[in-house]
Amino acid sequence: MYPLTPMARLLRKARGYVGKVRRLTRSLTAKAAHPDDAWATAQLTPAEARVYLAMDARDREHACRVARHLLREHPHSGPEVLAAALLHDCGKSIRPYHLAERVLVGLVPNRLARVVPLGPLAVRAYHPELGAELLARAGARPRVARLVARHHHPAGDPDAVLLHHYDDLE
């Protein structure tokens, strides 16, 4: 992969923020979320499916969109990459967000959340690592847990780069 030009980096960042705003507006009420749980759980091991179903419906819907988008453009992605796409935000399930928190946390960049990791910001900042630990304890496939852990900092892992890219788009 070639290094991005400054303009390409800027455009990529702008697309990421547009995706976050779209996701935030869709996530204002859990009742509006319609994840495809039957399809998603069919892609997961029983242990992974339990973790997936414990996620907030809004996060499950986002996860399904990420996974389907990834599959549309990379149909030969392995089953562990697909599972990681469905579970990449499972670390957020350790602490439910109130509506105001969901809005505010969704607007804070991850780098800033890591500098000021308090309450819901701590979950936002460290959800990849928290999710990987949750998956490991649940008995998920080790590669799935590693991909979840790296989905915000994917350097050196092409599959984690894919997860990061499609997470930003959706």
N, C-alpha and C. Protein backbone atom coordinates (compact mmCIF):
# COMPACT_ATOMS: atom_id res chain seq x y z
N MET A 1 0.85 -1.17 0.00
CA MET A 1 0.00 0.00 0.00
C MET A 1 0.90 1.24 0.00
N TYR A 2 0.58 2.19 -0.86
CA TYR A 2 1.38 3.41 -0.99
C TYR A 2 0.97 4.42 0.07
N PRO A 3 1.91 5.25 0.52
CA PRO A 3 1.54 6.29 1.48
C PRO A 3 0.55 7.28 0.85
N LEU A 4 -0.38 7.74 1.65
CA LEU A 4 -1.39 8.67 1.15
C LEU A 4 -0.81 10.08 1.06
N THR A 5 -1.25 10.79 0.04
CA THR A 5 -0.87 12.20 -0.08
C THR A 5 -1.62 12.98 0.99
N PRO A 6 -1.17 14.18 1.32
CA PRO A 6 -1.90 14.97 2.32
C PRO A 6 -3.37 15.20 1.94
N MET A 7 -3.65 15.43 0.66
CA MET A 7 -5.03 15.65 0.22
C MET A 7 -5.85 14.37 0.38
N ALA A 8 -5.26 13.23 0.03
CA ALA A 8 -5.97 11.96 0.17
C ALA A 8 -6.26 11.66 1.64
N ARG A 9 -5.30 11.99 2.52
CA ARG A 9 -5.51 11.80 3.96
C ARG A 9 -6.65 12.68 4.46
N LEU A 10 -6.66 13.92 3.99
CA LEU A 10 -7.71 14.86 4.39
C LEU A 10 -9.09 14.37 3.92
N LEU A 11 -9.17 13.92 2.68
CA LEU A 11 -10.44 13.41 2.15
C LEU A 11 -10.90 12.16 2.91
N ARG A 12 -9.95 11.29 3.21
CA ARG A 12 -10.28 10.09 3.97
C ARG A 12 -10.81 10.47 5.35
N LYS A 13 -10.17 11.42 6.01
CA LYS A 13 -10.60 11.87 7.34
C LYS A 13 -12.00 12.49 7.24
N ALA A 14 -12.24 13.30 6.21
CA ALA A 14 -13.56 13.94 6.04
C ALA A 14 -14.64 12.88 5.83
N ARG A 15 -14.36 11.86 5.00
CA ARG A 15 -15.34 10.78 4.80
C ARG A 15 -15.61 10.06 6.11
N GLY A 16 -14.58 9.89 6.92
CA GLY A 16 -14.75 9.24 8.22
C GLY A 16 -15.68 10.02 9.12
N TYR A 17 -15.50 11.34 9.16
CA TYR A 17 -16.36 12.16 10.01
C TYR A 17 -17.79 12.20 9.48
N VAL A 18 -17.98 12.21 8.18
CA VAL A 18 -19.33 12.16 7.62
C VAL A 18 -20.00 10.85 8.03
N GLY A 19 -19.26 9.76 7.97
CA GLY A 19 -19.79 8.47 8.41
C GLY A 19 -20.17 8.49 9.88
N LYS A 20 -19.35 9.11 10.71
CA LYS A 20 -19.64 9.17 12.15
C LYS A 20 -20.90 9.99 12.42
N VAL A 21 -21.08 11.08 11.70
CA VAL A 21 -22.27 11.90 11.90
C VAL A 21 -23.51 11.11 11.47
N ARG A 22 -23.43 10.40 10.34
CA ARG A 22 -24.56 9.56 9.90
C ARG A 22 -24.89 8.51 10.95
N ARG A 23 -23.85 7.85 11.46
CA ARG A 23 -24.07 6.80 12.46
C ARG A 23 -24.65 7.39 13.73
N LEU A 24 -24.17 8.55 14.12
CA LEU A 24 -24.68 9.19 15.33
C LEU A 24 -26.16 9.52 15.19
N THR A 25 -26.57 10.05 14.07
CA THR A 25 -27.99 10.39 13.90
C THR A 25 -28.85 9.13 13.89
N ARG A 26 -28.33 8.03 13.33
CA ARG A 26 -29.09 6.78 13.34
C ARG A 26 -29.15 6.18 14.73
N SER A 27 -28.22 6.54 15.60
CA SER A 27 -28.13 5.87 16.90
C SER A 27 -28.87 6.60 18.02
N LEU A 28 -29.64 7.59 17.70
CA LEU A 28 -30.29 8.36 18.75
C LEU A 28 -31.33 7.55 19.51
N THR A 29 -32.02 6.62 18.86
CA THR A 29 -32.97 5.77 19.57
C THR A 29 -32.72 4.30 19.23
N ALA A 30 -32.73 3.47 20.23
CA ALA A 30 -32.50 2.03 20.02
C ALA A 30 -33.66 1.41 19.24
N LYS A 31 -34.86 1.98 19.38
CA LYS A 31 -36.03 1.42 18.69
C LYS A 31 -35.89 1.52 17.17
N ALA A 32 -35.12 2.48 16.71
CA ALA A 32 -34.95 2.66 15.27
C ALA A 32 -33.94 1.68 14.68
N ALA A 33 -33.22 0.96 15.51
CA ALA A 33 -32.19 0.03 15.04
C ALA A 33 -32.82 -1.30 14.66
N HIS A 34 -32.37 -1.82 13.52
CA HIS A 34 -32.87 -3.11 13.03
C HIS A 34 -31.70 -3.96 12.54
N PRO A 35 -30.92 -4.47 13.49
CA PRO A 35 -29.79 -5.31 13.07
C PRO A 35 -30.29 -6.65 12.51
N ASP A 36 -29.53 -7.22 11.60
CA ASP A 36 -29.87 -8.52 11.03
C ASP A 36 -29.20 -9.60 11.88
N ASP A 37 -29.78 -9.83 13.05
CA ASP A 37 -29.17 -10.73 14.02
C ASP A 37 -29.10 -12.17 13.53
N ALA A 38 -30.10 -12.62 12.79
CA ALA A 38 -30.08 -14.00 12.30
C ALA A 38 -28.88 -14.21 11.37
N TRP A 39 -28.69 -13.28 10.45
CA TRP A 39 -27.55 -13.39 9.53
C TRP A 39 -26.24 -13.29 10.30
N ALA A 40 -26.15 -12.32 11.21
CA ALA A 40 -24.90 -12.10 11.94
C ALA A 40 -24.52 -13.30 12.79
N THR A 41 -25.45 -13.83 13.56
CA THR A 41 -25.11 -14.95 14.43
C THR A 41 -24.75 -16.20 13.65
N ALA A 42 -25.25 -16.31 12.42
CA ALA A 42 -24.88 -17.46 11.57
C ALA A 42 -23.42 -17.38 11.15
N GLN A 43 -22.81 -16.19 11.24
CA GLN A 43 -21.40 -16.01 10.85
C GLN A 43 -20.45 -16.23 12.02
N LEU A 44 -20.99 -16.41 13.22
CA LEU A 44 -20.19 -16.43 14.44
C LEU A 44 -20.23 -17.80 15.12
N THR A 45 -19.22 -18.06 15.94
CA THR A 45 -19.27 -19.24 16.78
C THR A 45 -20.30 -18.99 17.87
N PRO A 46 -20.77 -20.03 18.56
CA PRO A 46 -21.75 -19.80 19.64
C PRO A 46 -21.23 -18.82 20.71
N ALA A 47 -19.97 -18.91 21.08
CA ALA A 47 -19.41 -17.99 22.08
C ALA A 47 -19.42 -16.56 21.56
N GLU A 48 -19.04 -16.38 20.30
CA GLU A 48 -19.03 -15.04 19.70
C GLU A 48 -20.44 -14.50 19.56
N ALA A 49 -21.39 -15.37 19.22
CA ALA A 49 -22.78 -14.94 19.07
C ALA A 49 -23.33 -14.41 20.39
N ARG A 50 -22.95 -15.03 21.50
CA ARG A 50 -23.41 -14.54 22.81
C ARG A 50 -22.89 -13.13 23.07
N VAL A 51 -21.65 -12.89 22.72
CA VAL A 51 -21.07 -11.55 22.90
C VAL A 51 -21.79 -10.56 21.98
N TYR A 52 -22.00 -10.96 20.73
CA TYR A 52 -22.68 -10.09 19.75
C TYR A 52 -24.08 -9.71 20.26
N LEU A 53 -24.84 -10.69 20.72
CA LEU A 53 -26.22 -10.43 21.15
C LEU A 53 -26.29 -9.58 22.42
N ALA A 54 -25.20 -9.49 23.17
CA ALA A 54 -25.16 -8.64 24.36
C ALA A 54 -24.89 -7.18 24.01
N MET A 55 -24.55 -6.92 22.76
CA MET A 55 -24.28 -5.55 22.32
C MET A 55 -25.60 -4.78 22.17
N ASP A 56 -25.54 -3.47 22.27
CA ASP A 56 -26.68 -2.60 22.02
C ASP A 56 -27.15 -2.79 20.58
N ALA A 57 -28.45 -2.73 20.35
CA ALA A 57 -29.01 -2.94 19.01
C ALA A 57 -28.42 -1.97 17.99
N ARG A 58 -28.14 -0.74 18.42
CA ARG A 58 -27.57 0.25 17.51
C ARG A 58 -26.16 -0.15 17.08
N ASP A 59 -25.39 -0.69 18.02
CA ASP A 59 -24.04 -1.15 17.69
C ASP A 59 -24.08 -2.41 16.83
N ARG A 60 -25.06 -3.27 17.07
CA ARG A 60 -25.20 -4.48 16.22
C ARG A 60 -25.58 -4.08 14.80
N GLU A 61 -26.48 -3.10 14.66
CA GLU A 61 -26.86 -2.65 13.32
C GLU A 61 -25.65 -2.07 12.59
N HIS A 62 -24.88 -1.24 13.28
CA HIS A 62 -23.66 -0.68 12.70
C HIS A 62 -22.70 -1.81 12.31
N ALA A 63 -22.54 -2.79 13.17
CA ALA A 63 -21.64 -3.91 12.90
C ALA A 63 -22.09 -4.67 11.64
N CYS A 64 -23.38 -4.88 11.49
CA CYS A 64 -23.89 -5.57 10.29
C CYS A 64 -23.60 -4.75 9.03
N ARG A 65 -23.77 -3.44 9.11
CA ARG A 65 -23.47 -2.59 7.95
C ARG A 65 -21.98 -2.66 7.60
N VAL A 66 -21.12 -2.60 8.62
CA VAL A 66 -19.67 -2.70 8.39
C VAL A 66 -19.35 -4.03 7.72
N ALA A 67 -19.88 -5.12 8.27
CA ALA A 67 -19.58 -6.46 7.74
C ALA A 67 -20.09 -6.62 6.31
N ARG A 68 -21.29 -6.17 6.03
CA ARG A 68 -21.85 -6.32 4.67
C ARG A 68 -21.09 -5.44 3.67
N HIS A 69 -20.72 -4.24 4.06
CA HIS A 69 -19.95 -3.36 3.18
C HIS A 69 -18.59 -4.00 2.88
N LEU A 70 -17.94 -4.52 3.90
CA LEU A 70 -16.66 -5.20 3.70
C LEU A 70 -16.82 -6.38 2.75
N LEU A 71 -17.87 -7.18 2.94
CA LEU A 71 -18.09 -8.35 2.07
C LEU A 71 -18.41 -7.96 0.63
N ARG A 72 -19.14 -6.86 0.45
CA ARG A 72 -19.46 -6.41 -0.92
C ARG A 72 -18.19 -6.12 -1.69
N GLU A 73 -17.25 -5.46 -1.05
CA GLU A 73 -16.03 -5.05 -1.76
C GLU A 73 -14.88 -6.06 -1.63
N HIS A 74 -14.98 -6.96 -0.66
CA HIS A 74 -13.94 -7.99 -0.45
C HIS A 74 -14.63 -9.32 -0.17
N PRO A 75 -15.29 -9.89 -1.19
CA PRO A 75 -16.11 -11.09 -0.96
C PRO A 75 -15.32 -12.32 -0.50
N HIS A 76 -14.02 -12.30 -0.67
CA HIS A 76 -13.22 -13.46 -0.26
C HIS A 76 -12.56 -13.27 1.11
N SER A 77 -13.02 -12.30 1.85
CA SER A 77 -12.50 -12.11 3.21
C SER A 77 -12.81 -13.36 4.02
N GLY A 78 -11.90 -13.72 4.87
CA GLY A 78 -12.06 -14.92 5.67
C GLY A 78 -13.13 -14.79 6.74
N PRO A 79 -13.57 -15.92 7.27
CA PRO A 79 -14.62 -15.90 8.29
C PRO A 79 -14.21 -15.17 9.57
N GLU A 80 -12.93 -15.17 9.90
CA GLU A 80 -12.51 -14.46 11.11
C GLU A 80 -12.55 -12.95 10.91
N VAL A 81 -12.28 -12.48 9.69
CA VAL A 81 -12.38 -11.04 9.40
C VAL A 81 -13.85 -10.62 9.48
N LEU A 82 -14.74 -11.44 8.92
CA LEU A 82 -16.17 -11.15 8.99
C LEU A 82 -16.65 -11.12 10.44
N ALA A 83 -16.22 -12.09 11.23
CA ALA A 83 -16.61 -12.13 12.64
C ALA A 83 -16.10 -10.89 13.37
N ALA A 84 -14.87 -10.49 13.09
CA ALA A 84 -14.31 -9.30 13.73
C ALA A 84 -15.09 -8.05 13.33
N ALA A 85 -15.55 -7.99 12.08
CA ALA A 85 -16.36 -6.85 11.65
C ALA A 85 -17.67 -6.80 12.45
N LEU A 86 -18.24 -7.96 12.72
CA LEU A 86 -19.49 -8.00 13.48
C LEU A 86 -19.29 -7.72 14.97
N LEU A 87 -18.08 -7.91 15.45
CA LEU A 87 -17.81 -7.78 16.88
C LEU A 87 -16.90 -6.61 17.24
N HIS A 88 -16.51 -5.80 16.26
CA HIS A 88 -15.47 -4.80 16.50
C HIS A 88 -15.82 -3.80 17.61
N ASP A 89 -17.08 -3.55 17.87
CA ASP A 89 -17.47 -2.60 18.92
C ASP A 89 -18.02 -3.28 20.18
N CYS A 90 -17.78 -4.57 20.33
CA CYS A 90 -18.36 -5.29 21.48
C CYS A 90 -17.83 -4.76 22.81
N GLY A 91 -16.67 -4.14 22.83
CA GLY A 91 -16.14 -3.58 24.07
C GLY A 91 -17.01 -2.47 24.63
N LYS A 92 -17.81 -1.84 23.79
CA LYS A 92 -18.71 -0.78 24.25
C LYS A 92 -19.85 -1.35 25.09
N SER A 93 -20.08 -2.66 25.01
CA SER A 93 -21.21 -3.26 25.72
C SER A 93 -20.96 -3.42 27.21
N ILE A 94 -19.74 -3.15 27.67
CA ILE A 94 -19.48 -3.31 29.10
C ILE A 94 -20.11 -2.19 29.93
N ARG A 95 -20.49 -1.10 29.27
CA ARG A 95 -21.14 0.01 29.96
C ARG A 95 -22.16 0.65 29.04
N PRO A 96 -23.46 0.53 29.35
CA PRO A 96 -24.46 1.16 28.50
C PRO A 96 -24.32 2.68 28.52
N TYR A 97 -24.57 3.29 27.39
CA TYR A 97 -24.53 4.74 27.27
C TYR A 97 -25.93 5.31 27.42
N HIS A 98 -26.05 6.41 28.15
CA HIS A 98 -27.28 7.19 28.15
C HIS A 98 -27.27 8.00 26.86
N LEU A 99 -28.41 8.49 26.42
CA LEU A 99 -28.51 9.19 25.14
C LEU A 99 -27.52 10.35 25.04
N ALA A 100 -27.47 11.20 26.04
CA ALA A 100 -26.55 12.35 25.99
C ALA A 100 -25.10 11.89 25.89
N GLU A 101 -24.76 10.83 26.63
CA GLU A 101 -23.40 10.29 26.56
C GLU A 101 -23.09 9.76 25.17
N ARG A 102 -24.06 9.07 24.59
CA ARG A 102 -23.86 8.49 23.25
C ARG A 102 -23.56 9.61 22.25
N VAL A 103 -24.29 10.69 22.34
CA VAL A 103 -24.08 11.82 21.43
C VAL A 103 -22.71 12.45 21.67
N LEU A 104 -22.43 12.79 22.91
CA LEU A 104 -21.17 13.46 23.22
C LEU A 104 -19.95 12.59 22.94
N VAL A 105 -20.03 11.33 23.33
CA VAL A 105 -18.90 10.42 23.12
C VAL A 105 -18.68 10.20 21.63
N GLY A 106 -19.77 10.15 20.86
CA GLY A 106 -19.65 9.96 19.41
C GLY A 106 -18.96 11.13 18.71
N LEU A 107 -18.99 12.29 19.33
CA LEU A 107 -18.39 13.47 18.71
C LEU A 107 -16.93 13.68 19.11
N VAL A 108 -16.49 13.00 20.15
CA VAL A 108 -15.11 13.17 20.63
C VAL A 108 -14.18 12.25 19.83
N PRO A 109 -13.14 12.81 19.23
CA PRO A 109 -12.18 11.97 18.52
C PRO A 109 -11.51 10.98 19.47
N ASN A 110 -11.21 9.79 18.97
CA ASN A 110 -10.64 8.73 19.79
C ASN A 110 -9.34 9.17 20.46
N ARG A 111 -8.51 9.93 19.76
CA ARG A 111 -7.24 10.38 20.35
C ARG A 111 -7.47 11.26 21.58
N LEU A 112 -8.48 12.12 21.50
CA LEU A 112 -8.80 12.98 22.64
C LEU A 112 -9.37 12.15 23.79
N ALA A 113 -10.20 11.17 23.46
CA ALA A 113 -10.78 10.31 24.49
C ALA A 113 -9.69 9.55 25.25
N ARG A 114 -8.60 9.22 24.58
CA ARG A 114 -7.50 8.51 25.25
C ARG A 114 -6.73 9.44 26.18
N VAL A 115 -6.75 10.74 25.90
CA VAL A 115 -6.06 11.70 26.75
C VAL A 115 -6.88 11.97 28.02
N VAL A 116 -8.20 11.98 27.89
CA VAL A 116 -9.10 12.26 29.01
C VAL A 116 -10.04 11.07 29.21
N PRO A 117 -9.51 9.91 29.62
CA PRO A 117 -10.34 8.70 29.71
C PRO A 117 -11.18 8.62 30.98
N LEU A 118 -12.29 9.33 30.99
CA LEU A 118 -13.19 9.33 32.15
C LEU A 118 -14.53 8.73 31.77
N GLY A 119 -15.07 7.86 32.61
CA GLY A 119 -16.41 7.30 32.41
C GLY A 119 -16.63 6.78 31.01
N PRO A 120 -17.65 7.32 30.33
CA PRO A 120 -17.96 6.82 28.98
C PRO A 120 -16.83 7.08 27.98
N LEU A 121 -16.04 8.13 28.22
CA LEU A 121 -14.90 8.38 27.32
C LEU A 121 -13.86 7.27 27.43
N ALA A 122 -13.71 6.70 28.61
CA ALA A 122 -12.76 5.60 28.79
C ALA A 122 -13.21 4.39 27.99
N VAL A 123 -14.50 4.10 28.02
CA VAL A 123 -15.02 2.98 27.24
C VAL A 123 -14.81 3.27 25.75
N ARG A 124 -15.11 4.48 25.32
CA ARG A 124 -14.92 4.87 23.92
C ARG A 124 -13.46 4.71 23.52
N ALA A 125 -12.57 5.18 24.37
CA ALA A 125 -11.15 5.18 24.04
C ALA A 125 -10.57 3.77 23.99
N TYR A 126 -11.01 2.92 24.90
CA TYR A 126 -10.38 1.61 25.04
C TYR A 126 -11.29 0.45 24.63
N HIS A 127 -12.38 0.74 23.91
CA HIS A 127 -13.29 -0.35 23.55
C HIS A 127 -12.64 -1.43 22.69
N PRO A 128 -11.65 -1.14 21.84
CA PRO A 128 -11.03 -2.25 21.11
C PRO A 128 -10.34 -3.25 22.04
N GLU A 129 -9.57 -2.75 23.00
CA GLU A 129 -8.88 -3.63 23.94
C GLU A 129 -9.88 -4.32 24.88
N LEU A 130 -10.89 -3.58 25.34
CA LEU A 130 -11.91 -4.17 26.20
C LEU A 130 -12.67 -5.27 25.45
N GLY A 131 -12.98 -5.01 24.19
CA GLY A 131 -13.68 -6.01 23.38
C GLY A 131 -12.86 -7.26 23.17
N ALA A 132 -11.57 -7.09 22.90
CA ALA A 132 -10.69 -8.25 22.72
C ALA A 132 -10.63 -9.09 23.98
N GLU A 133 -10.55 -8.42 25.13
CA GLU A 133 -10.52 -9.15 26.40
C GLU A 133 -11.85 -9.88 26.64
N LEU A 134 -12.95 -9.20 26.36
CA LEU A 134 -14.27 -9.80 26.50
C LEU A 134 -14.39 -11.05 25.62
N LEU A 135 -13.93 -10.93 24.38
CA LEU A 135 -13.99 -12.07 23.44
C LEU A 135 -13.10 -13.22 23.90
N ALA A 136 -11.91 -12.90 24.37
CA ALA A 136 -11.00 -13.96 24.84
C ALA A 136 -11.62 -14.71 26.01
N ARG A 137 -12.21 -13.98 26.95
CA ARG A 137 -12.84 -14.62 28.11
C ARG A 137 -14.05 -15.45 27.71
N ALA A 138 -14.73 -15.03 26.64
CA ALA A 138 -15.93 -15.75 26.19
C ALA A 138 -15.58 -17.01 25.40
N GLY A 139 -14.33 -17.11 24.96
CA GLY A 139 -13.93 -18.29 24.17
C GLY A 139 -13.99 -18.08 22.67
N ALA A 140 -13.88 -16.84 22.23
CA ALA A 140 -13.89 -16.53 20.80
C ALA A 140 -12.59 -16.99 20.16
N ARG A 141 -12.58 -17.03 18.85
CA ARG A 141 -11.36 -17.37 18.12
C ARG A 141 -10.30 -16.30 18.39
N PRO A 142 -9.07 -16.71 18.67
CA PRO A 142 -8.00 -15.75 19.00
C PRO A 142 -7.78 -14.70 17.92
N ARG A 143 -7.83 -15.08 16.65
CA ARG A 143 -7.62 -14.11 15.56
C ARG A 143 -8.72 -13.05 15.56
N VAL A 144 -9.95 -13.44 15.86
CA VAL A 144 -11.06 -12.49 15.93
C VAL A 144 -10.79 -11.47 17.03
N ALA A 145 -10.37 -11.94 18.19
CA ALA A 145 -10.08 -11.03 19.31
C ALA A 145 -8.93 -10.09 18.95
N ARG A 146 -7.89 -10.60 18.27
CA ARG A 146 -6.76 -9.74 17.89
C ARG A 146 -7.20 -8.67 16.89
N LEU A 147 -8.04 -9.04 15.93
CA LEU A 147 -8.52 -8.05 14.95
C LEU A 147 -9.38 -6.99 15.63
N VAL A 148 -10.22 -7.38 16.56
CA VAL A 148 -11.03 -6.42 17.30
C VAL A 148 -10.12 -5.46 18.05
N ALA A 149 -9.09 -5.99 18.68
CA ALA A 149 -8.16 -5.15 19.45
C ALA A 149 -7.46 -4.13 18.57
N ARG A 150 -7.24 -4.45 17.30
CA ARG A 150 -6.45 -3.59 16.42
C ARG A 150 -7.29 -2.75 15.46
N HIS A 151 -8.61 -2.78 15.56
CA HIS A 151 -9.41 -2.13 14.52
C HIS A 151 -9.30 -0.61 14.51
N HIS A 152 -8.80 0.02 15.55
CA HIS A 152 -8.55 1.47 15.51
C HIS A 152 -7.09 1.80 15.26
N HIS A 153 -6.21 0.86 15.50
CA HIS A 153 -4.77 1.05 15.30
C HIS A 153 -4.24 -0.17 14.53
N PRO A 154 -4.53 -0.21 13.21
CA PRO A 154 -4.32 -1.44 12.45
C PRO A 154 -2.93 -1.63 11.83
N ALA A 155 -2.00 -0.76 12.09
CA ALA A 155 -0.70 -0.78 11.40
C ALA A 155 -0.13 -2.19 11.32
N GLY A 156 0.24 -2.56 10.10
CA GLY A 156 0.91 -3.83 9.88
C GLY A 156 0.00 -5.03 9.67
N ASP A 157 -1.29 -4.88 9.82
CA ASP A 157 -2.22 -6.00 9.64
C ASP A 157 -3.24 -5.62 8.58
N PRO A 158 -3.13 -6.18 7.38
CA PRO A 158 -4.05 -5.80 6.29
C PRO A 158 -5.52 -6.03 6.63
N ASP A 159 -5.84 -7.08 7.37
CA ASP A 159 -7.23 -7.33 7.73
C ASP A 159 -7.74 -6.28 8.72
N ALA A 160 -6.90 -5.88 9.66
CA ALA A 160 -7.29 -4.83 10.60
C ALA A 160 -7.44 -3.49 9.88
N VAL A 161 -6.63 -3.26 8.85
CA VAL A 161 -6.76 -2.05 8.03
C VAL A 161 -8.14 -2.03 7.35
N LEU A 162 -8.57 -3.18 6.83
CA LEU A 162 -9.91 -3.28 6.22
C LEU A 162 -10.99 -2.94 7.25
N LEU A 163 -10.90 -3.52 8.43
CA LEU A 163 -11.89 -3.24 9.47
C LEU A 163 -11.94 -1.76 9.79
N HIS A 164 -10.78 -1.16 9.96
CA HIS A 164 -10.70 0.27 10.28
C HIS A 164 -11.35 1.10 9.17
N HIS A 165 -11.04 0.76 7.94
CA HIS A 165 -11.58 1.50 6.80
C HIS A 165 -13.11 1.43 6.76
N TYR A 166 -13.67 0.23 6.85
CA TYR A 166 -15.12 0.09 6.74
C TYR A 166 -15.85 0.58 7.98
N ASP A 167 -15.21 0.52 9.12
CA ASP A 167 -15.79 1.10 10.32
C ASP A 167 -15.91 2.62 10.15
N ASP A 168 -14.88 3.24 9.61
CA ASP A 168 -14.92 4.69 9.36
C ASP A 168 -16.01 5.06 8.35
N LEU A 169 -16.21 4.23 7.34
CA LEU A 169 -17.21 4.53 6.31
C LEU A 169 -18.64 4.37 6.82
N GLU A 170 -18.85 3.45 7.71
CA GLU A 170 -20.21 3.15 8.18
C GLU A 170 -20.47 3.84 9.49
